[in-house]
Structure formats: C-alpha cells, structure tokens
Amino acid sequence: MARVRLSVAERREELLRAAIGQIEARGVSAVRIADVASALGVSNALVLYHFSTKEKLVAAAFTYAAEDDLAHLRKLLGRRTSALRRLRAAVRWYAPTGQAKGWRLWIEGWAAALREPALRDVTKGLDRQWKAAIAEVIAEGVAAGEFRCPDPAAAALRLTALLDGLAVQLTSYPGSVPRARAQEWADEALARELGLPGQQ
C-alpha cells in the first residue's frame, strides 16, 4: 500500500508524535533517529531533513508535547470565575493526581536537560510559561481582594515545585505516596500560599 503524501507540517507533526512515543518507551538518551524513522516506516534521511539532529528533534518533541497542556492550562485560568476557583482547577489538573499527561516524559526530559543545552533551553522556557500563568492569576486574585499573597511569582514557583516533586514520587515510585494524600497536600499548599484559613 502506498504511503499518503503529507504536507510539510503534517509530516513534522507525525515525526514529533513518533519521537514522543519513542522517548517515552526508550528514554531520551537511548532514543535514536533510526527508532523514530522505523516507527513510521520512513528513512533516517527524512527525519534528518526535518530536524537535522537528534537534539533538535528531541527539543521540538518536548515543545510539541507541552503545547496541549499549556493550552489547557490557559483555558482553565481564563475561565470567567473567581481567581481562587481557577487556581484550584489548575492545581488539581496539573497535579500528578489529576488529568495532566506525560509526567514520565517530563521527568525524562528534566534528566536529559542536565546534559543537553538545547533541551534545557526548551524545558526552562516551558517551565517559565507555566509559572507565569499561575502567578498572573494569583496577582489577579490579590488585586480583586480574594486573598493575600505578597509575592505571586514566588508562590507560583513553590506550588509548581511541590507538584513537580510529587510527580517524581508518584511516577518513579508508585505507591510511595497515596494519591489522595498528594491531592490533600496540593490543596493545602495552595491555601497556604494564598493566606486562606483552610479548605473553603
């Protein structure tokens, strides 16, 4: 059966999805251009034509993987409701007990970013976007008088650091922390950062 001819954008998307699958299966350090090509039944040269190096392919794959999650985060934070409700929804979704996907992929990416500058730049930029989105809504809530928080950027950093750390525990060491307990900790941390008396 002949392969359907794809546009450049469609081909790149197909290659990125295959790269994500291979990274999840093999890890960043072990994945090869040949693995991505083989998964799609295409030549190594085709993959290299679109991305030129494995490092560029991996960095683009992480960017691609994050786009849906970032779009969903912005949708949650852009709802027409109180800042507190938006933040709770975002934290519960982002937490490793929620519906955000790809924690294994991100843990793999963070580890590889220690040695790969291109991937480090990508993960750092994506991390900055997450924190900025959370900090912006915290600042909106403060301005509206919903809660108190003297430093929204620092609060966003502490919240996401807790969630990232819980994700490592729950993903790398299943059963180390009960999911319900992790959700309680996330809710408690949000209440603490916003100066709330407790769960409301």
C-alpha atoms as a PDB file:
ATOM      1  CA  MET A   1       0.000   0.000   0.000  1.00  0.00           C
ATOM      2  CA  ALA A   2       1.407   3.399  -0.998  1.00  0.00           C
ATOM      3  CA  ARG A   3       2.035   5.989   1.717  1.00  0.00           C
ATOM      4  CA  VAL A   4      -0.126   9.065   1.609  1.00  0.00           C
ATOM      5  CA  ARG A   5       1.861  12.178   0.734  1.00  0.00           C
ATOM      6  CA  LEU A   6       1.779  14.557   3.676  1.00  0.00           C
ATOM      7  CA  SER A   7       2.317  18.294   3.775  1.00  0.00           C
ATOM      8  CA  VAL A   8       5.499  19.514   5.491  1.00  0.00           C
ATOM      9  CA  ALA A   9       3.510  20.498   8.589  1.00  0.00           C
ATOM     10  CA  GLU A  10       1.700  17.152   8.718  1.00  0.00           C
ATOM     11  CA  ARG A  11       4.956  15.237   8.272  1.00  0.00           C
ATOM     12  CA  ARG A  12       6.650  17.215  11.057  1.00  0.00           C
ATOM     13  CA  GLU A  13       3.706  16.539  13.367  1.00  0.00           C
ATOM     14  CA  GLU A  14       3.826  12.830  12.545  1.00  0.00           C
ATOM     15  CA  LEU A  15       7.566  12.745  13.270  1.00  0.00           C
ATOM     16  CA  LEU A  16       7.105  14.622  16.552  1.00  0.00           C
ATOM     17  CA  ARG A  17       4.381  12.238  17.740  1.00  0.00           C
ATOM     18  CA  ALA A  18       6.599   9.279  16.872  1.00  0.00           C
ATOM     19  CA  ALA A  19       9.538  10.876  18.686  1.00  0.00           C
ATOM     20  CA  ILE A  20       7.412  11.363  21.817  1.00  0.00           C
ATOM     21  CA  GLY A  21       6.386   7.714  21.701  1.00  0.00           C
ATOM     22  CA  GLN A  22       9.983   6.587  21.333  1.00  0.00           C
ATOM     23  CA  ILE A  23      11.211   8.887  24.120  1.00  0.00           C
ATOM     24  CA  GLU A  24       8.532   7.518  26.450  1.00  0.00           C
ATOM     25  CA  ALA A  25       9.475   3.937  25.534  1.00  0.00           C
ATOM     26  CA  ARG A  26      13.273   4.221  25.446  1.00  0.00           C
ATOM     27  CA  GLY A  27      14.254   7.425  27.238  1.00  0.00           C
ATOM     28  CA  VAL A  28      15.942  10.478  25.759  1.00  0.00           C
ATOM     29  CA  SER A  29      19.486   9.145  25.972  1.00  0.00           C
ATOM     30  CA  ALA A  30      18.674   5.816  24.294  1.00  0.00           C
ATOM     31  CA  VAL A  31      16.335   7.010  21.546  1.00  0.00           C
ATOM     32  CA  ARG A  32      17.865   7.250  18.070  1.00  0.00           C
ATOM     33  CA  ILE A  33      16.837   8.870  14.812  1.00  0.00           C
ATOM     34  CA  ALA A  34      16.585   5.316  13.444  1.00  0.00           C
ATOM     35  CA  ASP A  35      13.983   4.424  16.107  1.00  0.00           C
ATOM     36  CA  VAL A  36      11.734   7.314  15.091  1.00  0.00           C
ATOM     37  CA  ALA A  37      12.170   6.530  11.395  1.00  0.00           C
ATOM     38  CA  SER A  38      11.485   2.832  11.938  1.00  0.00           C
ATOM     39  CA  ALA A  39       8.320   3.537  13.939  1.00  0.00           C
ATOM     40  CA  LEU A  40       6.893   5.311  10.888  1.00  0.00           C
ATOM     41  CA  GLY A  41       8.474   3.195   8.175  1.00  0.00           C
ATOM     42  CA  VAL A  42      10.422   6.130   6.750  1.00  0.00           C
ATOM     43  CA  SER A  43      14.115   6.753   6.151  1.00  0.00           C
ATOM     44  CA  ASN A  44      16.563   8.274   8.625  1.00  0.00           C
ATOM     45  CA  ALA A  45      17.241  10.900   5.972  1.00  0.00           C
ATOM     46  CA  LEU A  46      13.623  12.071   6.076  1.00  0.00           C
ATOM     47  CA  VAL A  47      13.784  12.608   9.835  1.00  0.00           C
ATOM     48  CA  LEU A  48      17.100  14.450   9.476  1.00  0.00           C
ATOM     49  CA  TYR A  49      15.704  16.569   6.646  1.00  0.00           C
ATOM     50  CA  HIS A  50      13.074  17.944   9.035  1.00  0.00           C
ATOM     51  CA  PHE A  51      15.157  18.216  12.208  1.00  0.00           C
ATOM     52  CA  SER A  52      18.868  17.912  11.209  1.00  0.00           C
ATOM     53  CA  THR A  53      19.969  16.426  14.576  1.00  0.00           C
ATOM     54  CA  LYS A  54      18.593  14.184  17.297  1.00  0.00           C
ATOM     55  CA  GLU A  55      18.926  17.072  19.768  1.00  0.00           C
ATOM     56  CA  LYS A  56      16.739  19.334  17.629  1.00  0.00           C
ATOM     57  CA  LEU A  57      14.178  16.547  17.181  1.00  0.00           C
ATOM     58  CA  VAL A  58      14.015  15.904  20.944  1.00  0.00           C
ATOM     59  CA  ALA A  59      13.723  19.616  21.773  1.00  0.00           C
ATOM     60  CA  ALA A  60      10.934  20.036  19.199  1.00  0.00           C
ATOM     61  CA  ALA A  61       9.162  16.931  20.532  1.00  0.00           C
ATOM     62  CA  PHE A  62       9.110  18.347  24.064  1.00  0.00           C
ATOM     63  CA  THR A  63       7.789  21.673  22.804  1.00  0.00           C
ATOM     64  CA  TYR A  64       5.081  19.855  20.857  1.00  0.00           C
ATOM     65  CA  ALA A  65       4.144  17.708  23.864  1.00  0.00           C
ATOM     66  CA  ALA A  66       3.773  20.778  26.068  1.00  0.00           C
ATOM     67  CA  GLU A  67       1.583  22.797  23.700  1.00  0.00           C
ATOM     68  CA  ASP A  68      -1.647  20.941  24.520  1.00  0.00           C
ATOM     69  CA  ASP A  69      -1.028  21.110  28.250  1.00  0.00           C
ATOM     70  CA  LEU A  70      -0.195  24.824  28.090  1.00  0.00           C
ATOM     71  CA  ALA A  71      -3.315  25.486  26.021  1.00  0.00           C
ATOM     72  CA  HIS A  72      -5.431  23.594  28.561  1.00  0.00           C
ATOM     73  CA  LEU A  73      -3.836  25.473  31.461  1.00  0.00           C
ATOM     74  CA  ARG A  74      -4.605  28.804  29.784  1.00  0.00           C
ATOM     75  CA  LYS A  75      -8.187  27.662  29.203  1.00  0.00           C
ATOM     76  CA  LEU A  76      -8.598  26.770  32.892  1.00  0.00           C
ATOM     77  CA  LEU A  77      -7.036  30.032  34.038  1.00  0.00           C
ATOM     78  CA  GLY A  78      -9.018  32.090  31.535  1.00  0.00           C
ATOM     79  CA  ARG A  79     -12.460  30.994  32.738  1.00  0.00           C
ATOM     80  CA  ARG A  80     -14.941  33.630  33.906  1.00  0.00           C
ATOM     81  CA  THR A  81     -14.953  32.761  37.570  1.00  0.00           C
ATOM     82  CA  SER A  82     -13.023  33.723  40.668  1.00  0.00           C
ATOM     83  CA  ALA A  83      -9.240  33.566  40.668  1.00  0.00           C
ATOM     84  CA  LEU A  84      -9.422  31.066  43.533  1.00  0.00           C
ATOM     85  CA  ARG A  85     -11.620  28.664  41.568  1.00  0.00           C
ATOM     86  CA  ARG A  86      -9.388  28.969  38.517  1.00  0.00           C
ATOM     87  CA  LEU A  87      -6.267  28.291  40.592  1.00  0.00           C
ATOM     88  CA  ARG A  88      -7.826  25.290  42.319  1.00  0.00           C
ATOM     89  CA  ALA A  89      -8.864  23.838  38.960  1.00  0.00           C
ATOM     90  CA  ALA A  90      -5.387  24.385  37.525  1.00  0.00           C
ATOM     91  CA  VAL A  91      -3.575  22.884  40.522  1.00  0.00           C
ATOM     92  CA  ARG A  92      -5.860  19.839  40.612  1.00  0.00           C
ATOM     93  CA  TRP A  93      -5.424  19.287  36.883  1.00  0.00           C
ATOM     94  CA  TYR A  94      -1.639  19.840  36.901  1.00  0.00           C
ATOM     95  CA  ALA A  95      -1.024  17.699  39.993  1.00  0.00           C
ATOM     96  CA  PRO A  96       0.156  14.149  39.317  1.00  0.00           C
ATOM     97  CA  THR A  97      -3.206  13.002  40.699  1.00  0.00           C
ATOM     98  CA  GLY A  98      -5.081  14.981  38.031  1.00  0.00           C
ATOM     99  CA  GLN A  99      -5.527  14.698  34.286  1.00  0.00           C
ATOM    100  CA  ALA A 100      -2.287  16.293  33.063  1.00  0.00           C
ATOM    101  CA  LYS A 101      -0.461  13.720  30.974  1.00  0.00           C
ATOM    102  CA  GLY A 102       3.139  12.981  30.267  1.00  0.00           C
ATOM    103  CA  TRP A 103       4.786  13.070  33.695  1.00  0.00           C
ATOM    104  CA  ARG A 104       7.108  10.227  32.665  1.00  0.00           C
ATOM    105  CA  LEU A 105       8.076  12.218  29.571  1.00  0.00           C
ATOM    106  CA  TRP A 106       8.808  15.356  31.617  1.00  0.00           C
ATOM    107  CA  ILE A 107      10.881  13.535  34.215  1.00  0.00           C
ATOM    108  CA  GLU A 108      12.902  12.041  31.384  1.00  0.00           C
ATOM    109  CA  GLY A 109      13.270  15.491  29.823  1.00  0.00           C
ATOM    110  CA  TRP A 110      14.439  17.135  33.041  1.00  0.00           C
ATOM    111  CA  ALA A 111      17.128  14.473  33.465  1.00  0.00           C
ATOM    112  CA  ALA A 112      18.343  14.810  29.875  1.00  0.00           C
ATOM    113  CA  ALA A 113      18.306  18.622  30.096  1.00  0.00           C
ATOM    114  CA  LEU A 114      21.168  18.414  32.587  1.00  0.00           C
ATOM    115  CA  ARG A 115      23.451  17.423  29.685  1.00  0.00           C
ATOM    116  CA  GLU A 116      21.739  18.841  26.593  1.00  0.00           C
ATOM    117  CA  PRO A 117      21.703  22.648  26.312  1.00  0.00           C
ATOM    118  CA  ALA A 118      19.046  22.731  23.559  1.00  0.00           C
ATOM    119  CA  LEU A 119      16.645  20.671  25.635  1.00  0.00           C
ATOM    120  CA  ARG A 120      17.487  22.682  28.758  1.00  0.00           C
ATOM    121  CA  ASP A 121      16.517  25.889  26.943  1.00  0.00           C
ATOM    122  CA  VAL A 122      13.210  24.359  25.848  1.00  0.00           C
ATOM    123  CA  THR A 123      12.253  22.928  29.241  1.00  0.00           C
ATOM    124  CA  LYS A 124      13.281  26.128  31.006  1.00  0.00           C
ATOM    125  CA  GLY A 125      11.136  28.227  28.659  1.00  0.00           C
ATOM    126  CA  LEU A 126       8.125  25.958  29.088  1.00  0.00           C
ATOM    127  CA  ASP A 127       8.565  25.947  32.862  1.00  0.00           C
ATOM    128  CA  ARG A 128       8.683  29.743  32.834  1.00  0.00           C
ATOM    129  CA  GLN A 129       5.377  29.864  30.932  1.00  0.00           C
ATOM    130  CA  TRP A 130       3.666  27.602  33.494  1.00  0.00           C
ATOM    131  CA  LYS A 131       4.849  29.674  36.432  1.00  0.00           C
ATOM    132  CA  ALA A 132       3.988  32.978  34.747  1.00  0.00           C
ATOM    133  CA  ALA A 133       0.433  31.826  34.015  1.00  0.00           C
ATOM    134  CA  ILE A 134      -0.122  30.753  37.632  1.00  0.00           C
ATOM    135  CA  ALA A 135       1.497  33.933  39.017  1.00  0.00           C
ATOM    136  CA  GLU A 136      -0.710  36.121  36.807  1.00  0.00           C
ATOM    137  CA  VAL A 137      -3.919  34.630  38.193  1.00  0.00           C
ATOM    138  CA  ILE A 138      -2.618  34.861  41.758  1.00  0.00           C
ATOM    139  CA  ALA A 139      -1.932  38.563  41.137  1.00  0.00           C
ATOM    140  CA  GLU A 140      -5.461  38.988  39.732  1.00  0.00           C
ATOM    141  CA  GLY A 141      -6.925  37.411  42.869  1.00  0.00           C
ATOM    142  CA  VAL A 142      -4.851  39.680  45.096  1.00  0.00           C
ATOM    143  CA  ALA A 143      -5.960  42.761  43.117  1.00  0.00           C
ATOM    144  CA  ALA A 144      -9.599  41.662  43.419  1.00  0.00           C
ATOM    145  CA  GLY A 145      -9.254  41.210  47.185  1.00  0.00           C
ATOM    146  CA  GLU A 146      -9.985  37.465  47.080  1.00  0.00           C
ATOM    147  CA  PHE A 147      -6.885  36.526  49.055  1.00  0.00           C
ATOM    148  CA  ARG A 148      -3.471  37.807  50.117  1.00  0.00           C
ATOM    149  CA  CYS A 149      -0.152  36.886  48.593  1.00  0.00           C
ATOM    150  CA  PRO A 150       2.811  39.269  48.851  1.00  0.00           C
ATOM    151  CA  ASP A 151       4.810  37.604  46.039  1.00  0.00           C
ATOM    152  CA  PRO A 152       2.746  35.818  43.340  1.00  0.00           C
ATOM    153  CA  ALA A 153       5.827  34.765  41.353  1.00  0.00           C
ATOM    154  CA  ALA A 154       7.432  33.102  44.381  1.00  0.00           C
ATOM    155  CA  ALA A 155       4.127  31.440  45.282  1.00  0.00           C
ATOM    156  CA  ALA A 156       3.812  30.038  41.749  1.00  0.00           C
ATOM    157  CA  LEU A 157       7.366  28.704  41.939  1.00  0.00           C
ATOM    158  CA  ARG A 158       6.750  26.991  45.290  1.00  0.00           C
ATOM    159  CA  LEU A 159       3.449  25.476  44.124  1.00  0.00           C
ATOM    160  CA  THR A 160       4.826  24.080  40.887  1.00  0.00           C
ATOM    161  CA  ALA A 161       7.954  22.818  42.672  1.00  0.00           C
ATOM    162  CA  LEU A 162       5.752  20.861  45.081  1.00  0.00           C
ATOM    163  CA  LEU A 163       3.659  19.442  42.241  1.00  0.00           C
ATOM    164  CA  ASP A 164       6.739  18.527  40.208  1.00  0.00           C
ATOM    165  CA  GLY A 165       8.271  16.799  43.235  1.00  0.00           C
ATOM    166  CA  LEU A 166       5.086  14.857  43.918  1.00  0.00           C
ATOM    167  CA  ALA A 167       5.028  13.835  40.256  1.00  0.00           C
ATOM    168  CA  VAL A 168       8.527  12.367  40.596  1.00  0.00           C
ATOM    169  CA  GLN A 169       7.452  10.398  43.689  1.00  0.00           C
ATOM    170  CA  LEU A 170       4.201   9.103  42.183  1.00  0.00           C
ATOM    171  CA  THR A 171       5.682   8.334  38.762  1.00  0.00           C
ATOM    172  CA  SER A 172       9.057   6.916  39.763  1.00  0.00           C
ATOM    173  CA  TYR A 173       7.987   5.183  42.993  1.00  0.00           C
ATOM    174  CA  PRO A 174       4.378   4.032  42.631  1.00  0.00           C
ATOM    175  CA  GLY A 175       2.710   3.625  45.997  1.00  0.00           C
ATOM    176  CA  SER A 176       5.209   5.842  47.840  1.00  0.00           C
ATOM    177  CA  VAL A 177       2.541   8.499  48.415  1.00  0.00           C
ATOM    178  CA  PRO A 178      -1.182   7.749  48.245  1.00  0.00           C
ATOM    179  CA  ARG A 179      -2.805   9.815  45.502  1.00  0.00           C
ATOM    180  CA  ALA A 180      -5.439  11.164  47.874  1.00  0.00           C
ATOM    181  CA  ARG A 181      -2.719  12.353  50.254  1.00  0.00           C
ATOM    182  CA  ALA A 182      -0.825  14.042  47.413  1.00  0.00           C
ATOM    183  CA  GLN A 183      -4.027  15.871  46.418  1.00  0.00           C
ATOM    184  CA  GLU A 184      -4.557  16.995  50.018  1.00  0.00           C
ATOM    185  CA  TRP A 185      -1.006  18.351  50.146  1.00  0.00           C
ATOM    186  CA  ALA A 186      -1.511  20.248  46.884  1.00  0.00           C
ATOM    187  CA  ASP A 187      -4.776  21.774  48.151  1.00  0.00           C
ATOM    188  CA  GLU A 188      -3.178  22.675  51.488  1.00  0.00           C
ATOM    189  CA  ALA A 189      -0.177  24.274  49.758  1.00  0.00           C
ATOM    190  CA  LEU A 190      -2.449  26.424  47.591  1.00  0.00           C
ATOM    191  CA  ALA A 191      -4.439  27.567  50.641  1.00  0.00           C
ATOM    192  CA  ARG A 192      -1.206  28.385  52.496  1.00  0.00           C
ATOM    193  CA  GLU A 193       0.224  30.386  49.579  1.00  0.00           C
ATOM    194  CA  LEU A 194      -2.970  32.419  49.325  1.00  0.00           C
ATOM    195  CA  GLY A 195      -3.243  33.082  53.054  1.00  0.00           C
ATOM    196  CA  LEU A 196      -6.528  31.194  53.302  1.00  0.00           C
ATOM    197  CA  PRO A 197      -7.600  29.794  56.661  1.00  0.00           C
ATOM    198  CA  GLY A 198      -8.081  26.311  55.214  1.00  0.00           C
ATOM    199  CA  GLN A 199     -10.102  24.450  52.634  1.00  0.00           C
ATOM    200  CA  GLN A 200     -13.115  26.513  51.586  1.00  0.00           C
END
